[in-house]
Amino acid sequence: MDTLKIEKAFLESYCIMCNNNKDVLQEFLQRMEDVLSSSTIHKETSKIEKEVQLLESKKNKLVNMRLEDIIDKETYEEKYTDILQKIDVKIQDIQDREKLTSNLEEEKDIKNVY
């Protein structure tokens, strides 16, 4: 959902920049800075990292359950695969947030030029 908003904002900003409207560009950059401020991104990244840690803990517990023959192999593999997929999604989220941080820094540089 956030990605769609960012894409829409980017398209709108690109159209505006093509028209050389400096005031609107500055307003856009300010809004982007407010929305994508580093502190917000860092908070969200920390939250996702905690979720990854929780999933890793669940994965370790699952392995222990399998080693102790508490669950059967089929159930183990199903749940293990599910946890790995969730971890992959969370890691991708972290990488996306890091890209946003990088883009924010670039936008700040552009803003300083104007």
PDB file of N, CA and C in Angstrom:
ATOM      1  N   MET A   1       0.826  -1.184   0.000  1.00  0.00           N
ATOM      2  CA  MET A   1       0.000   0.000   0.000  1.00  0.00           C
ATOM      3  C   MET A   1       0.874   1.253   0.000  1.00  0.00           C
ATOM      4  N   ASP A   2       1.904   1.282   0.834  1.00  0.00           N
ATOM      5  CA  ASP A   2       2.812   2.412   0.860  1.00  0.00           C
ATOM      6  C   ASP A   2       3.529   2.556  -0.471  1.00  0.00           C
ATOM      7  N   THR A   3       3.840   1.428  -1.091  1.00  0.00           N
ATOM      8  CA  THR A   3       4.539   1.450  -2.367  1.00  0.00           C
ATOM      9  C   THR A   3       3.694   2.136  -3.433  1.00  0.00           C
ATOM     10  N   LEU A   4       2.415   1.865  -3.439  1.00  0.00           N
ATOM     11  CA  LEU A   4       1.529   2.492  -4.417  1.00  0.00           C
ATOM     12  C   LEU A   4       1.482   4.001  -4.223  1.00  0.00           C
ATOM     13  N   LYS A   5       1.449   4.430  -2.966  1.00  0.00           N
ATOM     14  CA  LYS A   5       1.439   5.863  -2.682  1.00  0.00           C
ATOM     15  C   LYS A   5       2.737   6.508  -3.156  1.00  0.00           C
ATOM     16  N   ILE A   6       3.835   5.837  -2.919  1.00  0.00           N
ATOM     17  CA  ILE A   6       5.140   6.366  -3.326  1.00  0.00           C
ATOM     18  C   ILE A   6       5.223   6.432  -4.845  1.00  0.00           C
ATOM     19  N   GLU A   7       4.758   5.377  -5.523  1.00  0.00           N
ATOM     20  CA  GLU A   7       4.772   5.368  -6.983  1.00  0.00           C
ATOM     21  C   GLU A   7       3.921   6.517  -7.532  1.00  0.00           C
ATOM     22  N   LYS A   8       2.743   6.691  -6.963  1.00  0.00           N
ATOM     23  CA  LYS A   8       1.857   7.767  -7.415  1.00  0.00           C
ATOM     24  C   LYS A   8       2.510   9.130  -7.184  1.00  0.00           C
ATOM     25  N   ALA A   9       3.104   9.289  -6.013  1.00  0.00           N
ATOM     26  CA  ALA A   9       3.784  10.552  -5.705  1.00  0.00           C
ATOM     27  C   ALA A   9       4.938  10.785  -6.665  1.00  0.00           C
ATOM     28  N   PHE A  10       5.669   9.749  -6.984  1.00  0.00           N
ATOM     29  CA  PHE A  10       6.793   9.891  -7.907  1.00  0.00           C
ATOM     30  C   PHE A  10       6.303  10.318  -9.288  1.00  0.00           C
ATOM     31  N   LEU A  11       5.264   9.673  -9.773  1.00  0.00           N
ATOM     32  CA  LEU A  11       4.744  10.028 -11.092  1.00  0.00           C
ATOM     33  C   LEU A  11       4.261  11.477 -11.131  1.00  0.00           C
ATOM     34  N   GLU A  12       3.555  11.870 -10.084  1.00  0.00           N
ATOM     35  CA  GLU A  12       3.083  13.256 -10.015  1.00  0.00           C
ATOM     36  C   GLU A  12       4.256  14.224  -9.970  1.00  0.00           C
ATOM     37  N   SER A  13       5.252  13.868  -9.179  1.00  0.00           N
ATOM     38  CA  SER A  13       6.418  14.764  -9.064  1.00  0.00           C
ATOM     39  C   SER A  13       7.172  14.843 -10.375  1.00  0.00           C
ATOM     40  N   TYR A  14       7.271  13.757 -11.076  1.00  0.00           N
ATOM     41  CA  TYR A  14       7.972  13.763 -12.355  1.00  0.00           C
ATOM     42  C   TYR A  14       7.265  14.694 -13.343  1.00  0.00           C
ATOM     43  N   CYS A  15       5.956  14.596 -13.388  1.00  0.00           N
ATOM     44  CA  CYS A  15       5.193  15.483 -14.276  1.00  0.00           C
ATOM     45  C   CYS A  15       5.402  16.945 -13.896  1.00  0.00           C
ATOM     46  N   ILE A  16       5.415  17.192 -12.617  1.00  0.00           N
ATOM     47  CA  ILE A  16       5.605  18.571 -12.146  1.00  0.00           C
ATOM     48  C   ILE A  16       7.002  19.067 -12.497  1.00  0.00           C
ATOM     49  N   MET A  17       7.998  18.223 -12.292  1.00  0.00           N
ATOM     50  CA  MET A  17       9.373  18.628 -12.597  1.00  0.00           C
ATOM     51  C   MET A  17       9.545  18.914 -14.085  1.00  0.00           C
ATOM     52  N   CYS A  18       8.842  18.146 -14.888  1.00  0.00           N
ATOM     53  CA  CYS A  18       8.932  18.366 -16.332  1.00  0.00           C
ATOM     54  C   CYS A  18       8.414  19.756 -16.706  1.00  0.00           C
ATOM     55  N   ASN A  19       7.530  20.277 -15.912  1.00  0.00           N
ATOM     56  CA  ASN A  19       6.986  21.610 -16.174  1.00  0.00           C
ATOM     57  C   ASN A  19       7.815  22.711 -15.512  1.00  0.00           C
ATOM     58  N   ASN A  20       8.938  22.342 -14.899  1.00  0.00           N
ATOM     59  CA  ASN A  20       9.853  23.294 -14.255  1.00  0.00           C
ATOM     60  C   ASN A  20       9.167  24.177 -13.219  1.00  0.00           C
ATOM     61  N   ASN A  21       8.295  23.605 -12.450  1.00  0.00           N
ATOM     62  CA  ASN A  21       7.597  24.347 -11.411  1.00  0.00           C
ATOM     63  C   ASN A  21       8.371  24.188 -10.106  1.00  0.00           C
ATOM     64  N   LYS A  22       9.256  25.123  -9.829  1.00  0.00           N
ATOM     65  CA  LYS A  22      10.186  25.040  -8.712  1.00  0.00           C
ATOM     66  C   LYS A  22       9.485  25.041  -7.352  1.00  0.00           C
ATOM     67  N   ASP A  23       8.480  25.865  -7.166  1.00  0.00           N
ATOM     68  CA  ASP A  23       7.774  25.940  -5.882  1.00  0.00           C
ATOM     69  C   ASP A  23       7.097  24.619  -5.544  1.00  0.00           C
ATOM     70  N   VAL A  24       6.475  24.033  -6.529  1.00  0.00           N
ATOM     71  CA  VAL A  24       5.780  22.771  -6.299  1.00  0.00           C
ATOM     72  C   VAL A  24       6.795  21.666  -6.024  1.00  0.00           C
ATOM     73  N   LEU A  25       7.919  21.706  -6.712  1.00  0.00           N
ATOM     74  CA  LEU A  25       8.966  20.718  -6.482  1.00  0.00           C
ATOM     75  C   LEU A  25       9.473  20.809  -5.042  1.00  0.00           C
ATOM     76  N   GLN A  26       9.700  22.006  -4.556  1.00  0.00           N
ATOM     77  CA  GLN A  26      10.157  22.175  -3.181  1.00  0.00           C
ATOM     78  C   GLN A  26       9.110  21.675  -2.191  1.00  0.00           C
ATOM     79  N   GLU A  27       7.856  21.967  -2.463  1.00  0.00           N
ATOM     80  CA  GLU A  27       6.782  21.488  -1.593  1.00  0.00           C
ATOM     81  C   GLU A  27       6.732  19.964  -1.601  1.00  0.00           C
ATOM     82  N   PHE A  28       6.881  19.383  -2.785  1.00  0.00           N
ATOM     83  CA  PHE A  28       6.885  17.927  -2.898  1.00  0.00           C
ATOM     84  C   PHE A  28       8.034  17.323  -2.094  1.00  0.00           C
ATOM     85  N   LEU A  29       9.215  17.873  -2.242  1.00  0.00           N
ATOM     86  CA  LEU A  29      10.367  17.351  -1.520  1.00  0.00           C
ATOM     87  C   LEU A  29      10.174  17.456  -0.012  1.00  0.00           C
ATOM     88  N   GLN A  30       9.569  18.539   0.426  1.00  0.00           N
ATOM     89  CA  GLN A  30       9.294  18.700   1.857  1.00  0.00           C
ATOM     90  C   GLN A  30       8.313  17.644   2.335  1.00  0.00           C
ATOM     91  N   ARG A  31       7.290  17.405   1.557  1.00  0.00           N
ATOM     92  CA  ARG A  31       6.299  16.393   1.936  1.00  0.00           C
ATOM     93  C   ARG A  31       6.934  15.002   1.987  1.00  0.00           C
ATOM     94  N   MET A  32       7.748  14.700   0.968  1.00  0.00           N
ATOM     95  CA  MET A  32       8.430  13.408   0.937  1.00  0.00           C
ATOM     96  C   MET A  32       9.357  13.270   2.141  1.00  0.00           C
ATOM     97  N   GLU A  33      10.029  14.323   2.480  1.00  0.00           N
ATOM     98  CA  GLU A  33      10.926  14.297   3.630  1.00  0.00           C
ATOM     99  C   GLU A  33      10.142  14.039   4.912  1.00  0.00           C
ATOM    100  N   ASP A  34       8.991  14.681   5.039  1.00  0.00           N
ATOM    101  CA  ASP A  34       8.163  14.483   6.226  1.00  0.00           C
ATOM    102  C   ASP A  34       7.663  13.042   6.320  1.00  0.00           C
ATOM    103  N   VAL A  35       7.195  12.534   5.193  1.00  0.00           N
ATOM    104  CA  VAL A  35       6.629  11.187   5.192  1.00  0.00           C
ATOM    105  C   VAL A  35       7.711  10.128   5.359  1.00  0.00           C
ATOM    106  N   LEU A  36       8.820  10.331   4.678  1.00  0.00           N
ATOM    107  CA  LEU A  36       9.869   9.317   4.679  1.00  0.00           C
ATOM    108  C   LEU A  36      11.052   9.699   5.557  1.00  0.00           C
ATOM    109  N   SER A  37      10.780  10.418   6.597  1.00  0.00           N
ATOM    110  CA  SER A  37      11.880  10.846   7.460  1.00  0.00           C
ATOM    111  C   SER A  37      12.632   9.632   7.975  1.00  0.00           C
ATOM    112  N   SER A  38      13.916   9.813   8.186  1.00  0.00           N
ATOM    113  CA  SER A  38      14.745   8.701   8.612  1.00  0.00           C
ATOM    114  C   SER A  38      14.257   8.065   9.895  1.00  0.00           C
ATOM    115  N   SER A  39      13.770   8.885  10.811  1.00  0.00           N
ATOM    116  CA  SER A  39      13.322   8.312  12.080  1.00  0.00           C
ATOM    117  C   SER A  39      12.139   7.369  11.858  1.00  0.00           C
ATOM    118  N   THR A  40      11.233   7.740  10.976  1.00  0.00           N
ATOM    119  CA  THR A  40      10.087   6.876  10.682  1.00  0.00           C
ATOM    120  C   THR A  40      10.559   5.574  10.055  1.00  0.00           C
ATOM    121  N   ILE A  41      11.455   5.690   9.101  1.00  0.00           N
ATOM    122  CA  ILE A  41      11.966   4.496   8.430  1.00  0.00           C
ATOM    123  C   ILE A  41      12.734   3.627   9.418  1.00  0.00           C
ATOM    124  N   HIS A  42      13.531   4.248  10.277  1.00  0.00           N
ATOM    125  CA  HIS A  42      14.294   3.476  11.258  1.00  0.00           C
ATOM    126  C   HIS A  42      13.369   2.772  12.252  1.00  0.00           C
ATOM    127  N   LYS A  43      12.298   3.434  12.650  1.00  0.00           N
ATOM    128  CA  LYS A  43      11.334   2.812  13.564  1.00  0.00           C
ATOM    129  C   LYS A  43      10.699   1.591  12.913  1.00  0.00           C
ATOM    130  N   GLU A  44      10.288   1.760  11.660  1.00  0.00           N
ATOM    131  CA  GLU A  44       9.660   0.653  10.951  1.00  0.00           C
ATOM    132  C   GLU A  44      10.651  -0.479  10.728  1.00  0.00           C
ATOM    133  N   THR A  45      11.887  -0.137  10.420  1.00  0.00           N
ATOM    134  CA  THR A  45      12.922  -1.149  10.217  1.00  0.00           C
ATOM    135  C   THR A  45      13.180  -1.903  11.518  1.00  0.00           C
ATOM    136  N   SER A  46      13.243  -1.196  12.623  1.00  0.00           N
ATOM    137  CA  SER A  46      13.449  -1.849  13.930  1.00  0.00           C
ATOM    138  C   SER A  46      12.303  -2.806  14.236  1.00  0.00           C
ATOM    139  N   LYS A  47      11.102  -2.372  13.929  1.00  0.00           N
ATOM    140  CA  LYS A  47       9.925  -3.220  14.165  1.00  0.00           C
ATOM    141  C   LYS A  47      10.026  -4.498  13.330  1.00  0.00           C
ATOM    142  N   ILE A  48      10.411  -4.348  12.077  1.00  0.00           N
ATOM    143  CA  ILE A  48      10.526  -5.510  11.196  1.00  0.00           C
ATOM    144  C   ILE A  48      11.653  -6.425  11.670  1.00  0.00           C
ATOM    145  N   GLU A  49      12.760  -5.841  12.126  1.00  0.00           N
ATOM    146  CA  GLU A  49      13.865  -6.652  12.637  1.00  0.00           C
ATOM    147  C   GLU A  49      13.434  -7.460  13.856  1.00  0.00           C
ATOM    148  N   LYS A  50      12.614  -6.877  14.707  1.00  0.00           N
ATOM    149  CA  LYS A  50      12.094  -7.609  15.868  1.00  0.00           C
ATOM    150  C   LYS A  50      11.196  -8.757  15.410  1.00  0.00           C
ATOM    151  N   GLU A  51      10.406  -8.508  14.381  1.00  0.00           N
ATOM    152  CA  GLU A  51       9.548  -9.557  13.850  1.00  0.00           C
ATOM    153  C   GLU A  51      10.386 -10.694  13.274  1.00  0.00           C
ATOM    154  N   VAL A  52      11.493 -10.353  12.621  1.00  0.00           N
ATOM    155  CA  VAL A  52      12.395 -11.379  12.084  1.00  0.00           C
ATOM    156  C   VAL A  52      12.990 -12.187  13.230  1.00  0.00           C
ATOM    157  N   GLN A  53      13.389 -11.525  14.297  1.00  0.00           N
ATOM    158  CA  GLN A  53      13.939 -12.235  15.457  1.00  0.00           C
ATOM    159  C   GLN A  53      12.909 -13.196  16.051  1.00  0.00           C
ATOM    160  N   LEU A  54      11.665 -12.743  16.119  1.00  0.00           N
ATOM    161  CA  LEU A  54      10.602 -13.599  16.632  1.00  0.00           C
ATOM    162  C   LEU A  54      10.414 -14.821  15.729  1.00  0.00           C
ATOM    163  N   LEU A  55      10.432 -14.600  14.436  1.00  0.00           N
ATOM    164  CA  LEU A  55      10.296 -15.719  13.496  1.00  0.00           C
ATOM    165  C   LEU A  55      11.483 -16.675  13.601  1.00  0.00           C
ATOM    166  N   GLU A  56      12.683 -16.127  13.787  1.00  0.00           N
ATOM    167  CA  GLU A  56      13.872 -16.975  13.957  1.00  0.00           C
ATOM    168  C   GLU A  56      13.732 -17.823  15.220  1.00  0.00           C
ATOM    169  N   SER A  57      13.202 -17.221  16.263  1.00  0.00           N
ATOM    170  CA  SER A  57      12.979 -17.953  17.502  1.00  0.00           C
ATOM    171  C   SER A  57      11.970 -19.086  17.291  1.00  0.00           C
ATOM    172  N   LYS A  58      10.904 -18.779  16.572  1.00  0.00           N
ATOM    173  CA  LYS A  58       9.907 -19.808  16.263  1.00  0.00           C
ATOM    174  C   LYS A  58      10.529 -20.938  15.443  1.00  0.00           C
ATOM    175  N   LYS A  59      11.373 -20.550  14.507  1.00  0.00           N
ATOM    176  CA  LYS A  59      12.046 -21.548  13.666  1.00  0.00           C
ATOM    177  C   LYS A  59      12.913 -22.456  14.538  1.00  0.00           C
ATOM    178  N   ASN A  60      13.660 -21.878  15.461  1.00  0.00           N
ATOM    179  CA  ASN A  60      14.515 -22.671  16.348  1.00  0.00           C
ATOM    180  C   ASN A  60      13.698 -23.607  17.234  1.00  0.00           C
ATOM    181  N   LYS A  61      12.579 -23.115  17.738  1.00  0.00           N
ATOM    182  CA  LYS A  61      11.704 -23.960  18.555  1.00  0.00           C
ATOM    183  C   LYS A  61      11.151 -25.118  17.732  1.00  0.00           C
ATOM    184  N   LEU A  62      10.810 -24.808  16.490  1.00  0.00           N
ATOM    185  CA  LEU A  62      10.289 -25.839  15.600  1.00  0.00           C
ATOM    186  C   LEU A  62      11.335 -26.919  15.355  1.00  0.00           C
ATOM    187  N   VAL A  63      12.566 -26.505  15.125  1.00  0.00           N
ATOM    188  CA  VAL A  63      13.649 -27.476  14.924  1.00  0.00           C
ATOM    189  C   VAL A  63      13.808 -28.347  16.156  1.00  0.00           C
ATOM    190  N   ASN A  64      13.781 -27.732  17.316  1.00  0.00           N
ATOM    191  CA  ASN A  64      13.898 -28.502  18.563  1.00  0.00           C
ATOM    192  C   ASN A  64      12.743 -29.497  18.719  1.00  0.00           C
ATOM    193  N   MET A  65      11.545 -29.066  18.356  1.00  0.00           N
ATOM    194  CA  MET A  65      10.394 -29.965  18.439  1.00  0.00           C
ATOM    195  C   MET A  65      10.585 -31.170  17.519  1.00  0.00           C
ATOM    196  N   ARG A  66      11.139 -30.937  16.357  1.00  0.00           N
ATOM    197  CA  ARG A  66      11.373 -32.036  15.412  1.00  0.00           C
ATOM    198  C   ARG A  66      12.470 -32.963  15.935  1.00  0.00           C
ATOM    199  N   LEU A  67      13.519 -32.375  16.478  1.00  0.00           N
ATOM    200  CA  LEU A  67      14.611 -33.189  17.010  1.00  0.00           C
ATOM    201  C   LEU A  67      14.151 -34.070  18.170  1.00  0.00           C
ATOM    202  N   GLU A  68      13.201 -33.575  18.914  1.00  0.00           N
ATOM    203  CA  GLU A  68      12.673 -34.327  20.052  1.00  0.00           C
ATOM    204  C   GLU A  68      11.483 -35.197  19.666  1.00  0.00           C
ATOM    205  N   ASP A  69      11.207 -35.293  18.390  1.00  0.00           N
ATOM    206  CA  ASP A  69      10.097 -36.095  17.850  1.00  0.00           C
ATOM    207  C   ASP A  69       8.739 -35.693  18.422  1.00  0.00           C
ATOM    208  N   ILE A  70       8.585 -34.426  18.712  1.00  0.00           N
ATOM    209  CA  ILE A  70       7.300 -33.930  19.203  1.00  0.00           C
ATOM    210  C   ILE A  70       6.336 -33.746  18.030  1.00  0.00           C
ATOM    211  N   ILE A  71       6.877 -33.379  16.877  1.00  0.00           N
ATOM    212  CA  ILE A  71       6.037 -33.243  15.676  1.00  0.00           C
ATOM    213  C   ILE A  71       6.588 -34.136  14.571  1.00  0.00           C
ATOM    214  N   ASP A  72       5.700 -34.508  13.672  1.00  0.00           N
ATOM    215  CA  ASP A  72       6.122 -35.371  12.569  1.00  0.00           C
ATOM    216  C   ASP A  72       6.839 -34.553  11.488  1.00  0.00           C
ATOM    217  N   LYS A  73       7.517 -35.254  10.614  1.00  0.00           N
ATOM    218  CA  LYS A  73       8.344 -34.618   9.587  1.00  0.00           C
ATOM    219  C   LYS A  73       7.523 -33.747   8.638  1.00  0.00           C
ATOM    220  N   GLU A  74       6.364 -34.224   8.244  1.00  0.00           N
ATOM    221  CA  GLU A  74       5.520 -33.479   7.301  1.00  0.00           C
ATOM    222  C   GLU A  74       5.070 -32.144   7.898  1.00  0.00           C
ATOM    223  N   THR A  75       4.606 -32.152   9.128  1.00  0.00           N
ATOM    224  CA  THR A  75       4.183 -30.931   9.800  1.00  0.00           C
ATOM    225  C   THR A  75       5.363 -29.982   9.968  1.00  0.00           C
ATOM    226  N   TYR A  76       6.507 -30.558  10.359  1.00  0.00           N
ATOM    227  CA  TYR A  76       7.721 -29.755  10.522  1.00  0.00           C
ATOM    228  C   TYR A  76       8.077 -29.032   9.227  1.00  0.00           C
ATOM    229  N   GLU A  77       8.132 -29.767   8.137  1.00  0.00           N
ATOM    230  CA  GLU A  77       8.526 -29.172   6.847  1.00  0.00           C
ATOM    231  C   GLU A  77       7.547 -28.085   6.405  1.00  0.00           C
ATOM    232  N   GLU A  78       6.273 -28.334   6.628  1.00  0.00           N
ATOM    233  CA  GLU A  78       5.255 -27.350   6.257  1.00  0.00           C
ATOM    234  C   GLU A  78       5.430 -26.052   7.052  1.00  0.00           C
ATOM    235  N   LYS A  79       5.562 -26.187   8.348  1.00  0.00           N
ATOM    236  CA  LYS A  79       5.710 -25.013   9.206  1.00  0.00           C
ATOM    237  C   LYS A  79       7.059 -24.323   9.001  1.00  0.00           C
ATOM    238  N   TYR A  80       8.098 -25.113   8.791  1.00  0.00           N
ATOM    239  CA  TYR A  80       9.433 -24.556   8.570  1.00  0.00           C
ATOM    240  C   TYR A  80       9.458 -23.721   7.281  1.00  0.00           C
ATOM    241  N   THR A  81       8.859 -24.248   6.235  1.00  0.00           N
ATOM    242  CA  THR A  81       8.777 -23.530   4.963  1.00  0.00           C
ATOM    243  C   THR A  81       7.982 -22.240   5.119  1.00  0.00           C
ATOM    244  N   ASP A  82       6.886 -22.314   5.851  1.00  0.00           N
ATOM    245  CA  ASP A  82       6.058 -21.130   6.097  1.00  0.00           C
ATOM    246  C   ASP A  82       6.855 -20.046   6.830  1.00  0.00           C
ATOM    247  N   ILE A  83       7.586 -20.439   7.850  1.00  0.00           N
ATOM    248  CA  ILE A  83       8.392 -19.473   8.613  1.00  0.00           C
ATOM    249  C   ILE A  83       9.480 -18.867   7.730  1.00  0.00           C
ATOM    250  N   LEU A  84      10.150 -19.691   6.930  1.00  0.00           N
ATOM    251  CA  LEU A  84      11.195 -19.173   6.035  1.00  0.00           C
ATOM    252  C   LEU A  84      10.633 -18.161   5.041  1.00  0.00           C
ATOM    253  N   GLN A  85       9.446 -18.430   4.525  1.00  0.00           N
ATOM    254  CA  GLN A  85       8.819 -17.489   3.592  1.00  0.00           C
ATOM    255  C   GLN A  85       8.509 -16.162   4.285  1.00  0.00           C
ATOM    256  N   LYS A  86       8.021 -16.228   5.500  1.00  0.00           N
ATOM    257  CA  LYS A  86       7.722 -15.005   6.253  1.00  0.00           C
ATOM    258  C   LYS A  86       8.995 -14.218   6.536  1.00  0.00           C
ATOM    259  N   ILE A  87      10.068 -14.924   6.861  1.00  0.00           N
ATOM    260  CA  ILE A  87      11.354 -14.258   7.111  1.00  0.00           C
ATOM    261  C   ILE A  87      11.833 -13.577   5.836  1.00  0.00           C
ATOM    262  N   ASP A  88      11.714 -14.261   4.706  1.00  0.00           N
ATOM    263  CA  ASP A  88      12.130 -13.671   3.425  1.00  0.00           C
ATOM    264  C   ASP A  88      11.362 -12.392   3.119  1.00  0.00           C
ATOM    265  N   VAL A  89      10.065 -12.401   3.388  1.00  0.00           N
ATOM    266  CA  VAL A  89       9.236 -11.212   3.156  1.00  0.00           C
ATOM    267  C   VAL A  89       9.702 -10.067   4.046  1.00  0.00           C
ATOM    268  N   LYS A  90       9.966 -10.370   5.303  1.00  0.00           N
ATOM    269  CA  LYS A  90      10.423  -9.335   6.240  1.00  0.00           C
ATOM    270  C   LYS A  90      11.783  -8.778   5.833  1.00  0.00           C
ATOM    271  N   ILE A  91      12.670  -9.636   5.397  1.00  0.00           N
ATOM    272  CA  ILE A  91      13.994  -9.181   4.957  1.00  0.00           C
ATOM    273  C   ILE A  91      13.853  -8.292   3.732  1.00  0.00           C
ATOM    274  N   GLN A  92      12.952  -8.650   2.827  1.00  0.00           N
ATOM    275  CA  GLN A  92      12.708  -7.803   1.657  1.00  0.00           C
ATOM    276  C   GLN A  92      12.164  -6.451   2.080  1.00  0.00           C
ATOM    277  N   ASP A  93      11.297  -6.436   3.091  1.00  0.00           N
ATOM    278  CA  ASP A  93      10.774  -5.175   3.626  1.00  0.00           C
ATOM    279  C   ASP A  93      11.904  -4.298   4.158  1.00  0.00           C
ATOM    280  N   ILE A  94      12.837  -4.913   4.866  1.00  0.00           N
ATOM    281  CA  ILE A  94      13.980  -4.168   5.401  1.00  0.00           C
ATOM    282  C   ILE A  94      14.802  -3.583   4.259  1.00  0.00           C
ATOM    283  N   GLN A  95      15.040  -4.380   3.244  1.00  0.00           N
ATOM    284  CA  GLN A  95      15.814  -3.894   2.090  1.00  0.00           C
ATOM    285  C   GLN A  95      15.086  -2.750   1.385  1.00  0.00           C
ATOM    286  N   ASP A  96      13.770  -2.855   1.279  1.00  0.00           N
ATOM    287  CA  ASP A  96      12.986  -1.776   0.666  1.00  0.00           C
ATOM    288  C   ASP A  96      13.098  -0.495   1.487  1.00  0.00           C
ATOM    289  N   ARG A  97      13.056  -0.627   2.785  1.00  0.00           N
ATOM    290  CA  ARG A  97      13.178   0.547   3.653  1.00  0.00           C
ATOM    291  C   ARG A  97      14.566   1.175   3.530  1.00  0.00           C
ATOM    292  N   GLU A  98      15.587   0.331   3.378  1.00  0.00           N
ATOM    293  CA  GLU A  98      16.940   0.860   3.200  1.00  0.00           C
ATOM    294  C   GLU A  98      17.038   1.640   1.888  1.00  0.00           C
ATOM    295  N   LYS A  99      16.360   1.140   0.860  1.00  0.00           N
ATOM    296  CA  LYS A  99      16.331   1.865  -0.412  1.00  0.00           C
ATOM    297  C   LYS A  99      15.624   3.206  -0.243  1.00  0.00           C
ATOM    298  N   LEU A 100      14.536   3.211   0.525  1.00  0.00           N
ATOM    299  CA  LEU A 100      13.823   4.458   0.778  1.00  0.00           C
ATOM    300  C   LEU A 100      14.720   5.456   1.502  1.00  0.00           C
ATOM    301  N   THR A 101      15.480   4.978   2.448  1.00  0.00           N
ATOM    302  CA  THR A 101      16.400   5.846   3.173  1.00  0.00           C
ATOM    303  C   THR A 101      17.417   6.449   2.211  1.00  0.00           C
ATOM    304  N   SER A 102      17.930   5.620   1.342  1.00  0.00           N
ATOM    305  CA  SER A 102      18.893   6.092   0.345  1.00  0.00           C
ATOM    306  C   SER A 102      18.255   7.129  -0.569  1.00  0.00           C
ATOM    307  N   ASN A 103      17.038   6.857  -1.007  1.00  0.00           N
ATOM    308  CA  ASN A 103      16.326   7.805  -1.867  1.00  0.00           C
ATOM    309  C   ASN A 103      16.060   9.116  -1.144  1.00  0.00           C
ATOM    310  N   LEU A 104      15.754   9.018   0.136  1.00  0.00           N
ATOM    311  CA  LEU A 104      15.511  10.217   0.931  1.00  0.00           C
ATOM    312  C   LEU A 104      16.770  11.078   0.988  1.00  0.00           C
ATOM    313  N   GLU A 105      17.899  10.447   1.176  1.00  0.00           N
ATOM    314  CA  GLU A 105      19.161  11.190   1.207  1.00  0.00           C
ATOM    315  C   GLU A 105      19.428  11.859  -0.142  1.00  0.00           C
ATOM    316  N   GLU A 106      19.140  11.154  -1.224  1.00  0.00           N
ATOM    317  CA  GLU A 106      19.318  11.737  -2.552  1.00  0.00           C
ATOM    318  C   GLU A 106      18.395  12.932  -2.743  1.00  0.00           C
ATOM    319  N   GLU A 107      17.169  12.802  -2.263  1.00  0.00           N
ATOM    320  CA  GLU A 107      16.215  13.904  -2.387  1.00  0.00           C
ATOM    321  C   GLU A 107      16.673  15.114  -1.575  1.00  0.00           C
ATOM    322  N   LYS A 108      17.252  14.860  -0.411  1.00  0.00           N
ATOM    323  CA  LYS A 108      17.781  15.963   0.389  1.00  0.00           C
ATOM    324  C   LYS A 108      18.902  16.664  -0.374  1.00  0.00           C
ATOM    325  N   ASP A 109      19.732  15.892  -1.055  1.00  0.00           N
ATOM    326  CA  ASP A 109      20.807  16.473  -1.857  1.00  0.00           C
ATOM    327  C   ASP A 109      20.235  17.337  -2.986  1.00  0.00           C
ATOM    328  N   ILE A 110      19.192  16.818  -3.623  1.00  0.00           N
ATOM    329  CA  ILE A 110      18.541  17.584  -4.702  1.00  0.00           C
ATOM    330  C   ILE A 110      17.955  18.860  -4.140  1.00  0.00           C
ATOM    331  N   LYS A 111      17.334  18.740  -2.979  1.00  0.00           N
ATOM    332  CA  LYS A 111      16.722  19.907  -2.348  1.00  0.00           C
ATOM    333  C   LYS A 111      17.783  20.959  -2.046  1.00  0.00           C
ATOM    334  N   ASN A 112      18.928  20.528  -1.593  1.00  0.00           N
ATOM    335  CA  ASN A 112      20.003  21.469  -1.289  1.00  0.00           C
ATOM    336  C   ASN A 112      20.523  22.170  -2.536  1.00  0.00           C
ATOM    337  N   VAL A 113      20.418  21.521  -3.683  1.00  0.00           N
ATOM    338  CA  VAL A 113      20.844  22.142  -4.941  1.00  0.00           C
ATOM    339  C   VAL A 113      19.897  23.264  -5.304  1.00  0.00           C
ATOM    340  N   TYR A 114      18.596  23.049  -5.046  1.00  0.00           N
ATOM    341  CA  TYR A 114      17.605  24.056  -5.377  1.00  0.00           C
ATOM    342  C   TYR A 114      17.506  25.053  -4.255  1.00  0.00           C
TER     343      TYR A 114
END
